[in-house]
Amino acid sequence: MAAPDIDFGDFTLGEKLRVAGLVVRMAKRGNADTDDLKRRVERIEKDALRRKAKGK
């Protein structure tokens, strides 16, 4: 799920909170279908990776 080029420090505070909330929701669902939540986390990771690439 996590992109290899991203550290937790690369996320903004808002992104960290959103990811944490999504992880909690995934845990509540247990073995149920969590693909939609995983896609949301991946989208947040992609945004952070793009922002990190711009900074270099």
C-alpha atoms as a PDB file:
ATOM      1  CA  MET A   1       0.000   0.000   0.000  1.00  0.00           C
ATOM      2  CA  ALA A   2       2.720   2.492   0.833  1.00  0.00           C
ATOM      3  CA  ALA A   3       4.843   3.871  -1.942  1.00  0.00           C
ATOM      4  CA  PRO A   4       8.541   3.112  -1.360  1.00  0.00           C
ATOM      5  CA  ASP A   5       9.703   6.702  -1.967  1.00  0.00           C
ATOM      6  CA  ILE A   6       7.460   8.297   0.643  1.00  0.00           C
ATOM      7  CA  ASP A   7       8.219   8.800   4.320  1.00  0.00           C
ATOM      8  CA  PHE A   8       5.555   9.703   6.858  1.00  0.00           C
ATOM      9  CA  GLY A   9       7.240  13.100   7.170  1.00  0.00           C
ATOM     10  CA  ASP A  10       6.430  13.835   3.518  1.00  0.00           C
ATOM     11  CA  PHE A  11       2.729  14.101   4.325  1.00  0.00           C
ATOM     12  CA  THR A  12       1.070  17.303   5.466  1.00  0.00           C
ATOM     13  CA  LEU A  13      -0.698  17.326   8.822  1.00  0.00           C
ATOM     14  CA  GLY A  14      -4.067  17.096   7.088  1.00  0.00           C
ATOM     15  CA  GLU A  15      -2.950  14.140   4.994  1.00  0.00           C
ATOM     16  CA  LYS A  16      -1.634  12.365   8.086  1.00  0.00           C
ATOM     17  CA  LEU A  17      -4.978  12.813   9.803  1.00  0.00           C
ATOM     18  CA  ARG A  18      -6.912  11.634   6.742  1.00  0.00           C
ATOM     19  CA  VAL A  19      -4.724   8.530   6.381  1.00  0.00           C
ATOM     20  CA  ALA A  20      -5.082   7.748  10.089  1.00  0.00           C
ATOM     21  CA  GLY A  21      -8.862   8.069   9.842  1.00  0.00           C
ATOM     22  CA  LEU A  22      -8.983   5.817   6.795  1.00  0.00           C
ATOM     23  CA  VAL A  23      -6.841   3.187   8.532  1.00  0.00           C
ATOM     24  CA  VAL A  24      -9.230   3.231  11.496  1.00  0.00           C
ATOM     25  CA  ARG A  25     -12.175   2.773   9.145  1.00  0.00           C
ATOM     26  CA  MET A  26     -10.380  -0.156   7.463  1.00  0.00           C
ATOM     27  CA  ALA A  27      -9.798  -1.759  10.856  1.00  0.00           C
ATOM     28  CA  LYS A  28     -13.473  -1.390  11.756  1.00  0.00           C
ATOM     29  CA  ARG A  29     -14.496  -3.145   8.559  1.00  0.00           C
ATOM     30  CA  GLY A  30     -12.203  -6.072   9.323  1.00  0.00           C
ATOM     31  CA  ASN A  31     -12.143  -8.540   6.448  1.00  0.00           C
ATOM     32  CA  ALA A  32     -14.875  -6.700   4.569  1.00  0.00           C
ATOM     33  CA  ASP A  33     -14.204  -4.980   1.264  1.00  0.00           C
ATOM     34  CA  THR A  34     -11.750  -2.138   1.936  1.00  0.00           C
ATOM     35  CA  ASP A  35     -10.662  -1.477  -1.656  1.00  0.00           C
ATOM     36  CA  ASP A  36     -12.344   1.936  -1.764  1.00  0.00           C
ATOM     37  CA  LEU A  37     -10.503   3.082   1.354  1.00  0.00           C
ATOM     38  CA  LYS A  38      -7.195   1.713   0.046  1.00  0.00           C
ATOM     39  CA  ARG A  39      -7.664   3.709  -3.173  1.00  0.00           C
ATOM     40  CA  ARG A  40      -8.205   6.881  -1.134  1.00  0.00           C
ATOM     41  CA  VAL A  41      -4.973   6.264   0.788  1.00  0.00           C
ATOM     42  CA  GLU A  42      -3.128   5.596  -2.473  1.00  0.00           C
ATOM     43  CA  ARG A  43      -4.435   8.887  -3.886  1.00  0.00           C
ATOM     44  CA  ILE A  44      -3.137  10.754  -0.831  1.00  0.00           C
ATOM     45  CA  GLU A  45       0.237   8.996  -1.216  1.00  0.00           C
ATOM     46  CA  LYS A  46       0.376   9.960  -4.882  1.00  0.00           C
ATOM     47  CA  ASP A  47      -0.276  13.621  -4.014  1.00  0.00           C
ATOM     48  CA  ALA A  48       2.517  13.564  -1.417  1.00  0.00           C
ATOM     49  CA  LEU A  49       4.900  11.926  -3.882  1.00  0.00           C
ATOM     50  CA  ARG A  50       4.117  14.567  -6.526  1.00  0.00           C
ATOM     51  CA  ARG A  51       4.719  17.359  -4.011  1.00  0.00           C
ATOM     52  CA  LYS A  52       8.005  15.744  -2.928  1.00  0.00           C
ATOM     53  CA  ALA A  53       9.159  15.452  -6.552  1.00  0.00           C
ATOM     54  CA  LYS A  54       8.395  19.141  -7.152  1.00  0.00           C
ATOM     55  CA  GLY A  55      10.512  20.134  -4.165  1.00  0.00           C
ATOM     56  CA  LYS A  56      13.653  18.486  -5.555  1.00  0.00           C
END
